[in-house]
């Protein structure tokens, strides 16, 4: 992504404060484990939408595959979060 480093949770909250948001609600999780990925393969969500065009762009698929490898290799150290912010 071109970032010199991945922002921490506190860095993100600081960015939201600096941008003038009054309130931030954070839900934080770890990346799913191998069993969660297997569950997704076995129980396909019929409502999931995947763009047909995305599968034809080789360069995009190459980048996505590189990110998957990076995340799998570092899953014990990485996580993800959802930020809900508001301004009064």
PDB file of N, CA and C in Angstrom:
ATOM      1  N   UNK A   1       0.819  -1.210   0.000  1.00  0.00           N
ATOM      2  CA  UNK A   1       0.000   0.000   0.000  1.00  0.00           C
ATOM      3  C   UNK A   1       0.850   1.256   0.000  1.00  0.00           C
ATOM      4  N   UNK A   2       2.139   1.105   0.123  1.00  0.00           N
ATOM      5  CA  UNK A   2       3.016   2.267   0.121  1.00  0.00           C
ATOM      6  C   UNK A   2       3.160   2.923   1.475  1.00  0.00           C
ATOM      7  N   UNK A   3       2.644   2.316   2.527  1.00  0.00           N
ATOM      8  CA  UNK A   3       2.781   2.885   3.862  1.00  0.00           C
ATOM      9  C   UNK A   3       4.135   2.504   4.448  1.00  0.00           C
ATOM     10  N   UNK A   4       4.780   3.429   5.157  1.00  0.00           N
ATOM     11  CA  UNK A   4       6.065   3.080   5.771  1.00  0.00           C
ATOM     12  C   UNK A   4       5.894   2.063   6.905  1.00  0.00           C
ATOM     13  N   UNK A   5       4.710   2.052   7.530  1.00  0.00           N
ATOM     14  CA  UNK A   5       4.384   1.073   8.565  1.00  0.00           C
ATOM     15  C   UNK A   5       2.866   0.991   8.694  1.00  0.00           C
ATOM     16  N   UNK A   6       2.403  -0.075   9.317  1.00  0.00           N
ATOM     17  CA  UNK A   6       0.958  -0.238   9.524  1.00  0.00           C
ATOM     18  C   UNK A   6       0.583   0.505  10.798  1.00  0.00           C
ATOM     19  N   UNK A   7      -0.393   1.423  10.740  1.00  0.00           N
ATOM     20  CA  UNK A   7      -0.788   2.160  11.945  1.00  0.00           C
ATOM     21  C   UNK A   7      -1.345   1.224  13.022  1.00  0.00           C
ATOM     22  N   UNK A   8      -1.008   1.516  14.275  1.00  0.00           N
ATOM     23  CA  UNK A   8      -1.557   0.747  15.392  1.00  0.00           C
ATOM     24  C   UNK A   8      -2.980   1.215  15.669  1.00  0.00           C
ATOM     25  N   UNK A   9      -3.657   0.517  16.556  1.00  0.00           N
ATOM     26  CA  UNK A   9      -5.005   0.908  16.943  1.00  0.00           C
ATOM     27  C   UNK A   9      -5.011   2.336  17.491  1.00  0.00           C
ATOM     28  N   UNK A  10      -4.052   2.647  18.364  1.00  0.00           N
ATOM     29  CA  UNK A  10      -3.971   4.005  18.925  1.00  0.00           C
ATOM     30  C   UNK A  10      -3.647   5.054  17.858  1.00  0.00           C
ATOM     31  N   UNK A  11      -2.838   4.677  16.863  1.00  0.00           N
ATOM     32  CA  UNK A  11      -2.550   5.598  15.753  1.00  0.00           C
ATOM     33  C   UNK A  11      -3.840   5.941  15.006  1.00  0.00           C
ATOM     34  N   UNK A  12      -4.652   4.914  14.708  1.00  0.00           N
ATOM     35  CA  UNK A  12      -5.910   5.146  14.003  1.00  0.00           C
ATOM     36  C   UNK A  12      -6.821   6.083  14.799  1.00  0.00           C
ATOM     37  N   UNK A  13      -6.953   5.806  16.094  1.00  0.00           N
ATOM     38  CA  UNK A  13      -7.801   6.653  16.940  1.00  0.00           C
ATOM     39  C   UNK A  13      -7.266   8.078  16.945  1.00  0.00           C
ATOM     40  N   UNK A  14      -5.948   8.246  16.989  1.00  0.00           N
ATOM     41  CA  UNK A  14      -5.342   9.573  16.910  1.00  0.00           C
ATOM     42  C   UNK A  14      -5.659  10.279  15.603  1.00  0.00           C
ATOM     43  N   UNK A  15      -5.648   9.539  14.499  1.00  0.00           N
ATOM     44  CA  UNK A  15      -5.997  10.126  13.190  1.00  0.00           C
ATOM     45  C   UNK A  15      -7.448  10.611  13.190  1.00  0.00           C
ATOM     46  N   UNK A  16      -8.347   9.810  13.765  1.00  0.00           N
ATOM     47  CA  UNK A  16      -9.754  10.212  13.826  1.00  0.00           C
ATOM     48  C   UNK A  16      -9.939  11.445  14.711  1.00  0.00           C
ATOM     49  N   UNK A  17      -9.244  11.480  15.856  1.00  0.00           N
ATOM     50  CA  UNK A  17      -9.299  12.658  16.731  1.00  0.00           C
ATOM     51  C   UNK A  17      -8.791  13.894  15.995  1.00  0.00           C
ATOM     52  N   UNK A  18      -7.665  13.742  15.307  1.00  0.00           N
ATOM     53  CA  UNK A  18      -7.063  14.858  14.569  1.00  0.00           C
ATOM     54  C   UNK A  18      -7.994  15.358  13.456  1.00  0.00           C
ATOM     55  N   UNK A  19      -8.786  14.448  12.882  1.00  0.00           N
ATOM     56  CA  UNK A  19      -9.713  14.812  11.803  1.00  0.00           C
ATOM     57  C   UNK A  19     -10.990  15.461  12.348  1.00  0.00           C
ATOM     58  N   UNK A  20     -11.122  15.531  13.691  1.00  0.00           N
ATOM     59  CA  UNK A  20     -12.263  16.226  14.266  1.00  0.00           C
ATOM     60  C   UNK A  20     -13.438  15.354  14.650  1.00  0.00           C
ATOM     61  N   UNK A  21     -13.246  14.029  14.612  1.00  0.00           N
ATOM     62  CA  UNK A  21     -14.337  13.159  15.040  1.00  0.00           C
ATOM     63  C   UNK A  21     -14.436  13.190  16.558  1.00  0.00           C
ATOM     64  N   UNK A  22     -15.673  13.234  17.056  1.00  0.00           N
ATOM     65  CA  UNK A  22     -15.907  13.325  18.494  1.00  0.00           C
ATOM     66  C   UNK A  22     -15.900  11.968  19.177  1.00  0.00           C
ATOM     67  N   UNK A  23     -16.315  10.974  18.452  1.00  0.00           N
ATOM     68  CA  UNK A  23     -16.502   9.667  19.070  1.00  0.00           C
ATOM     69  C   UNK A  23     -16.047   8.576  18.112  1.00  0.00           C
ATOM     70  N   UNK A  24     -15.371   7.580  18.650  1.00  0.00           N
ATOM     71  CA  UNK A  24     -14.962   6.426  17.845  1.00  0.00           C
ATOM     72  C   UNK A  24     -15.296   5.154  18.603  1.00  0.00           C
ATOM     73  N   UNK A  25     -16.038   4.266  17.964  1.00  0.00           N
ATOM     74  CA  UNK A  25     -16.320   2.949  18.523  1.00  0.00           C
ATOM     75  C   UNK A  25     -15.489   1.964  17.712  1.00  0.00           C
ATOM     76  N   UNK A  26     -14.752   1.121  18.412  1.00  0.00           N
ATOM     77  CA  UNK A  26     -13.829   0.210  17.743  1.00  0.00           C
ATOM     78  C   UNK A  26     -14.190  -1.230  18.080  1.00  0.00           C
ATOM     79  N   UNK A  27     -14.260  -2.054  17.051  1.00  0.00           N
ATOM     80  CA  UNK A  27     -14.393  -3.497  17.235  1.00  0.00           C
ATOM     81  C   UNK A  27     -13.158  -4.124  16.610  1.00  0.00           C
ATOM     82  N   UNK A  28     -12.400  -4.820  17.427  1.00  0.00           N
ATOM     83  CA  UNK A  28     -11.119  -5.354  16.980  1.00  0.00           C
ATOM     84  C   UNK A  28     -11.149  -6.878  17.015  1.00  0.00           C
ATOM     85  N   UNK A  29     -10.537  -7.525  16.011  1.00  0.00           N
ATOM     86  CA  UNK A  29     -10.486  -8.983  15.938  1.00  0.00           C
ATOM     87  C   UNK A  29      -9.153  -9.431  15.376  1.00  0.00           C
ATOM     88  N   UNK A  30      -8.881 -10.698  15.568  1.00  0.00           N
ATOM     89  CA  UNK A  30      -7.725 -11.325  14.933  1.00  0.00           C
ATOM     90  C   UNK A  30      -8.192 -11.886  13.588  1.00  0.00           C
ATOM     91  N   UNK A  31      -7.238 -12.161  12.716  1.00  0.00           N
ATOM     92  CA  UNK A  31      -7.599 -12.787  11.451  1.00  0.00           C
ATOM     93  C   UNK A  31      -8.106 -14.192  11.727  1.00  0.00           C
ATOM     94  N   UNK A  32      -9.035 -14.674  10.901  1.00  0.00           N
ATOM     95  CA  UNK A  32      -9.574 -16.017  11.132  1.00  0.00           C
ATOM     96  C   UNK A  32      -8.486 -17.072  10.984  1.00  0.00           C
ATOM     97  N   UNK A  33      -8.680 -18.163  11.689  1.00  0.00           N
ATOM     98  CA  UNK A  33      -7.743 -19.274  11.607  1.00  0.00           C
ATOM     99  C   UNK A  33      -8.020 -20.152  10.401  1.00  0.00           C
ATOM    100  N   UNK A  34      -7.227 -21.179  10.263  1.00  0.00           N
ATOM    101  CA  UNK A  34      -7.351 -22.083   9.119  1.00  0.00           C
ATOM    102  C   UNK A  34      -8.716 -22.757   9.106  1.00  0.00           C
ATOM    103  N   UNK A  35      -9.245 -23.119  10.284  1.00  0.00           N
ATOM    104  CA  UNK A  35     -10.568 -23.762  10.323  1.00  0.00           C
ATOM    105  C   UNK A  35     -11.658 -22.827   9.834  1.00  0.00           C
ATOM    106  N   UNK A  36     -11.541 -21.528  10.134  1.00  0.00           N
ATOM    107  CA  UNK A  36     -12.527 -20.570   9.640  1.00  0.00           C
ATOM    108  C   UNK A  36     -12.479 -20.492   8.122  1.00  0.00           C
ATOM    109  N   UNK A  37     -11.279 -20.532   7.542  1.00  0.00           N
ATOM    110  CA  UNK A  37     -11.152 -20.508   6.084  1.00  0.00           C
ATOM    111  C   UNK A  37     -11.752 -21.771   5.471  1.00  0.00           C
ATOM    112  N   UNK A  38     -11.551 -22.914   6.122  1.00  0.00           N
ATOM    113  CA  UNK A  38     -12.117 -24.170   5.636  1.00  0.00           C
ATOM    114  C   UNK A  38     -13.640 -24.118   5.688  1.00  0.00           C
ATOM    115  N   UNK A  39     -14.176 -23.550   6.772  1.00  0.00           N
ATOM    116  CA  UNK A  39     -15.626 -23.402   6.909  1.00  0.00           C
ATOM    117  C   UNK A  39     -16.180 -22.567   5.759  1.00  0.00           C
ATOM    118  N   UNK A  40     -15.465 -21.501   5.396  1.00  0.00           N
ATOM    119  CA  UNK A  40     -15.921 -20.637   4.304  1.00  0.00           C
ATOM    120  C   UNK A  40     -15.926 -21.395   2.980  1.00  0.00           C
ATOM    121  N   UNK A  41     -14.953 -22.266   2.775  1.00  0.00           N
ATOM    122  CA  UNK A  41     -14.904 -23.055   1.540  1.00  0.00           C
ATOM    123  C   UNK A  41     -16.036 -24.081   1.469  1.00  0.00           C
ATOM    124  N   UNK A  42     -16.364 -24.687   2.620  1.00  0.00           N
ATOM    125  CA  UNK A  42     -17.380 -25.729   2.632  1.00  0.00           C
ATOM    126  C   UNK A  42     -18.796 -25.181   2.626  1.00  0.00           C
ATOM    127  N   UNK A  43     -19.014 -24.037   3.253  1.00  0.00           N
ATOM    128  CA  UNK A  43     -20.351 -23.454   3.373  1.00  0.00           C
ATOM    129  C   UNK A  43     -20.378 -22.109   2.659  1.00  0.00           C
ATOM    130  N   UNK A  44     -20.509 -22.168   1.366  1.00  0.00           N
ATOM    131  CA  UNK A  44     -20.457 -20.957   0.540  1.00  0.00           C
ATOM    132  C   UNK A  44     -21.723 -20.137   0.739  1.00  0.00           C
ATOM    133  N   UNK A  45     -21.537 -18.850   0.983  1.00  0.00           N
ATOM    134  CA  UNK A  45     -22.654 -17.922   1.177  1.00  0.00           C
ATOM    135  C   UNK A  45     -23.304 -17.639  -0.179  1.00  0.00           C
ATOM    136  N   UNK A  46     -24.574 -18.000  -0.359  1.00  0.00           N
ATOM    137  CA  UNK A  46     -25.222 -17.773  -1.656  1.00  0.00           C
ATOM    138  C   UNK A  46     -25.439 -16.292  -1.969  1.00  0.00           C
ATOM    139  N   UNK A  47     -25.312 -15.430  -0.973  1.00  0.00           N
ATOM    140  CA  UNK A  47     -25.533 -14.003  -1.170  1.00  0.00           C
ATOM    141  C   UNK A  47     -24.236 -13.238  -1.433  1.00  0.00           C
ATOM    142  N   UNK A  48     -23.125 -13.947  -1.410  1.00  0.00           N
ATOM    143  CA  UNK A  48     -21.823 -13.307  -1.634  1.00  0.00           C
ATOM    144  C   UNK A  48     -21.706 -12.919  -3.105  1.00  0.00           C
ATOM    145  N   UNK A  49     -21.278 -11.682  -3.344  1.00  0.00           N
ATOM    146  CA  UNK A  49     -21.148 -11.175  -4.708  1.00  0.00           C
ATOM    147  C   UNK A  49     -19.668 -11.024  -5.039  1.00  0.00           C
ATOM    148  N   UNK A  50     -19.259 -11.665  -6.108  1.00  0.00           N
ATOM    149  CA  UNK A  50     -17.876 -11.552  -6.572  1.00  0.00           C
ATOM    150  C   UNK A  50     -17.926 -11.065  -8.009  1.00  0.00           C
ATOM    151  N   UNK A  51     -17.211 -10.006  -8.276  1.00  0.00           N
ATOM    152  CA  UNK A  51     -17.205  -9.425  -9.612  1.00  0.00           C
ATOM    153  C   UNK A  51     -16.561 -10.380 -10.615  1.00  0.00           C
ATOM    154  N   UNK A  52     -17.221 -10.600 -11.730  1.00  0.00           N
ATOM    155  CA  UNK A  52     -16.662 -11.424 -12.797  1.00  0.00           C
ATOM    156  C   UNK A  52     -15.433 -10.753 -13.401  1.00  0.00           C
ATOM    157  N   UNK A  53     -15.445  -9.429 -13.458  1.00  0.00           N
ATOM    158  CA  UNK A  53     -14.332  -8.692 -14.060  1.00  0.00           C
ATOM    159  C   UNK A  53     -13.052  -8.845 -13.251  1.00  0.00           C
ATOM    160  N   UNK A  54     -13.194  -8.974 -11.932  1.00  0.00           N
ATOM    161  CA  UNK A  54     -12.026  -9.053 -11.075  1.00  0.00           C
ATOM    162  C   UNK A  54     -11.181 -10.284 -11.395  1.00  0.00           C
ATOM    163  N   UNK A  55     -11.834 -11.367 -11.751  1.00  0.00           N
ATOM    164  CA  UNK A  55     -11.112 -12.597 -12.039  1.00  0.00           C
ATOM    165  C   UNK A  55     -10.303 -12.553 -13.315  1.00  0.00           C
ATOM    166  N   UNK A  56     -10.536 -11.578 -14.162  1.00  0.00           N
ATOM    167  CA  UNK A  56      -9.825 -11.518 -15.435  1.00  0.00           C
ATOM    168  C   UNK A  56      -8.596 -10.608 -15.406  1.00  0.00           C
ATOM    169  N   UNK A  57      -8.412  -9.840 -14.362  1.00  0.00           N
ATOM    170  CA  UNK A  57      -7.278  -8.926 -14.282  1.00  0.00           C
ATOM    171  C   UNK A  57      -6.105  -9.632 -13.604  1.00  0.00           C
ATOM    172  N   UNK A  58      -5.149 -10.089 -14.402  1.00  0.00           N
ATOM    173  CA  UNK A  58      -4.022 -10.866 -13.868  1.00  0.00           C
ATOM    174  C   UNK A  58      -3.176 -10.069 -12.885  1.00  0.00           C
ATOM    175  N   UNK A  59      -2.963  -8.808 -13.177  1.00  0.00           N
ATOM    176  CA  UNK A  59      -2.137  -7.983 -12.286  1.00  0.00           C
ATOM    177  C   UNK A  59      -2.814  -7.817 -10.928  1.00  0.00           C
ATOM    178  N   UNK A  60      -4.125  -7.585 -10.924  1.00  0.00           N
ATOM    179  CA  UNK A  60      -4.870  -7.457  -9.676  1.00  0.00           C
ATOM    180  C   UNK A  60      -4.826  -8.767  -8.890  1.00  0.00           C
ATOM    181  N   UNK A  61      -5.034  -9.892  -9.581  1.00  0.00           N
ATOM    182  CA  UNK A  61      -4.984 -11.191  -8.914  1.00  0.00           C
ATOM    183  C   UNK A  61      -3.603 -11.461  -8.320  1.00  0.00           C
ATOM    184  N   UNK A  62      -2.565 -11.015  -8.995  1.00  0.00           N
ATOM    185  CA  UNK A  62      -1.200 -11.190  -8.496  1.00  0.00           C
ATOM    186  C   UNK A  62      -1.004 -10.423  -7.186  1.00  0.00           C
ATOM    187  N   UNK A  63      -1.481  -9.179  -7.144  1.00  0.00           N
ATOM    188  CA  UNK A  63      -1.362  -8.358  -5.941  1.00  0.00           C
ATOM    189  C   UNK A  63      -2.176  -8.962  -4.803  1.00  0.00           C
ATOM    190  N   UNK A  64      -3.398  -9.404  -5.086  1.00  0.00           N
ATOM    191  CA  UNK A  64      -4.246 -10.014  -4.061  1.00  0.00           C
ATOM    192  C   UNK A  64      -3.582 -11.270  -3.511  1.00  0.00           C
ATOM    193  N   UNK A  65      -2.999 -12.073  -4.368  1.00  0.00           N
ATOM    194  CA  UNK A  65      -2.319 -13.290  -3.918  1.00  0.00           C
ATOM    195  C   UNK A  65      -1.134 -12.945  -3.022  1.00  0.00           C
ATOM    196  N   UNK A  66      -0.391 -11.886  -3.355  1.00  0.00           N
ATOM    197  CA  UNK A  66       0.742 -11.463  -2.521  1.00  0.00           C
ATOM    198  C   UNK A  66       0.261 -11.033  -1.137  1.00  0.00           C
ATOM    199  N   UNK A  67      -0.866 -10.317  -1.071  1.00  0.00           N
ATOM    200  CA  UNK A  67      -1.429  -9.907   0.223  1.00  0.00           C
ATOM    201  C   UNK A  67      -1.894 -11.117   1.018  1.00  0.00           C
ATOM    202  N   UNK A  68      -2.492 -12.109   0.351  1.00  0.00           N
ATOM    203  CA  UNK A  68      -2.930 -13.312   1.054  1.00  0.00           C
ATOM    204  C   UNK A  68      -1.743 -14.026   1.698  1.00  0.00           C
ATOM    205  N   UNK A  69      -0.659 -14.157   0.954  1.00  0.00           N
ATOM    206  CA  UNK A  69       0.548 -14.802   1.486  1.00  0.00           C
ATOM    207  C   UNK A  69       1.092 -14.010   2.673  1.00  0.00           C
ATOM    208  N   UNK A  70       1.141 -12.687   2.540  1.00  0.00           N
ATOM    209  CA  UNK A  70       1.624 -11.827   3.621  1.00  0.00           C
ATOM    210  C   UNK A  70       0.775 -11.998   4.882  1.00  0.00           C
ATOM    211  N   UNK A  71      -0.545 -11.991   4.712  1.00  0.00           N
ATOM    212  CA  UNK A  71      -1.447 -12.121   5.857  1.00  0.00           C
ATOM    213  C   UNK A  71      -1.332 -13.505   6.485  1.00  0.00           C
ATOM    214  N   UNK A  72      -1.307 -14.563   5.664  1.00  0.00           N
ATOM    215  CA  UNK A  72      -1.179 -15.908   6.218  1.00  0.00           C
ATOM    216  C   UNK A  72       0.128 -16.083   6.977  1.00  0.00           C
ATOM    217  N   UNK A  73       1.200 -15.545   6.430  1.00  0.00           N
ATOM    218  CA  UNK A  73       2.514 -15.670   7.065  1.00  0.00           C
ATOM    219  C   UNK A  73       2.571 -14.922   8.397  1.00  0.00           C
ATOM    220  N   UNK A  74       1.817 -13.828   8.520  1.00  0.00           N
ATOM    221  CA  UNK A  74       1.901 -12.970   9.704  1.00  0.00           C
ATOM    222  C   UNK A  74       0.605 -12.923  10.514  1.00  0.00           C
ATOM    223  N   UNK A  75      -0.292 -13.882  10.306  1.00  0.00           N
ATOM    224  CA  UNK A  75      -1.616 -13.837  10.934  1.00  0.00           C
ATOM    225  C   UNK A  75      -1.562 -13.747  12.452  1.00  0.00           C
ATOM    226  N   UNK A  76      -0.528 -14.290  13.090  1.00  0.00           N
ATOM    227  CA  UNK A  76      -0.447 -14.227  14.550  1.00  0.00           C
ATOM    228  C   UNK A  76      -0.124 -12.828  15.059  1.00  0.00           C
ATOM    229  N   UNK A  77       0.374 -11.971  14.191  1.00  0.00           N
ATOM    230  CA  UNK A  77       0.771 -10.625  14.588  1.00  0.00           C
ATOM    231  C   UNK A  77      -0.171  -9.543  14.070  1.00  0.00           C
ATOM    232  N   UNK A  78      -1.061  -9.909  13.172  1.00  0.00           N
ATOM    233  CA  UNK A  78      -1.957  -8.935  12.550  1.00  0.00           C
ATOM    234  C   UNK A  78      -3.387  -9.132  13.031  1.00  0.00           C
ATOM    235  N   UNK A  79      -4.185  -8.129  12.831  1.00  0.00           N
ATOM    236  CA  UNK A  79      -5.602  -8.203  13.143  1.00  0.00           C
ATOM    237  C   UNK A  79      -6.333  -7.220  12.245  1.00  0.00           C
ATOM    238  N   UNK A  80      -7.600  -7.037  12.516  1.00  0.00           N
ATOM    239  CA  UNK A  80      -8.361  -6.044  11.749  1.00  0.00           C
ATOM    240  C   UNK A  80      -9.382  -5.435  12.663  1.00  0.00           C
ATOM    241  N   UNK A  81      -9.903  -4.316  12.260  1.00  0.00           N
ATOM    242  CA  UNK A  81     -10.879  -3.634  13.085  1.00  0.00           C
ATOM    243  C   UNK A  81     -11.897  -2.902  12.249  1.00  0.00           C
ATOM    244  N   UNK A  82     -12.998  -2.610  12.900  1.00  0.00           N
ATOM    245  CA  UNK A  82     -14.045  -1.800  12.307  1.00  0.00           C
ATOM    246  C   UNK A  82     -14.149  -0.544  13.154  1.00  0.00           C
ATOM    247  N   UNK A  83     -14.102   0.605  12.516  1.00  0.00           N
ATOM    248  CA  UNK A  83     -14.177   1.874  13.216  1.00  0.00           C
ATOM    249  C   UNK A  83     -15.469   2.566  12.837  1.00  0.00           C
ATOM    250  N   UNK A  84     -16.252   2.934  13.825  1.00  0.00           N
ATOM    251  CA  UNK A  84     -17.463   3.717  13.586  1.00  0.00           C
ATOM    252  C   UNK A  84     -17.234   5.059  14.263  1.00  0.00           C
ATOM    253  N   UNK A  85     -17.141   6.101  13.452  1.00  0.00           N
ATOM    254  CA  UNK A  85     -16.812   7.423  13.983  1.00  0.00           C
ATOM    255  C   UNK A  85     -17.934   8.396  13.681  1.00  0.00           C
ATOM    256  N   UNK A  86     -18.036   9.436  14.504  1.00  0.00           N
ATOM    257  CA  UNK A  86     -19.088  10.429  14.271  1.00  0.00           C
ATOM    258  C   UNK A  86     -18.608  11.812  14.683  1.00  0.00           C
ATOM    259  N   UNK A  87     -19.231  12.788  14.105  1.00  0.00           N
ATOM    260  CA  UNK A  87     -19.008  14.192  14.456  1.00  0.00           C
ATOM    261  C   UNK A  87     -20.328  14.746  14.955  1.00  0.00           C
ATOM    262  N   UNK A  88     -20.287  15.457  16.062  1.00  0.00           N
ATOM    263  CA  UNK A  88     -21.506  16.072  16.578  1.00  0.00           C
ATOM    264  C   UNK A  88     -21.757  17.427  15.938  1.00  0.00           C
TER     265      UNK A  88
END
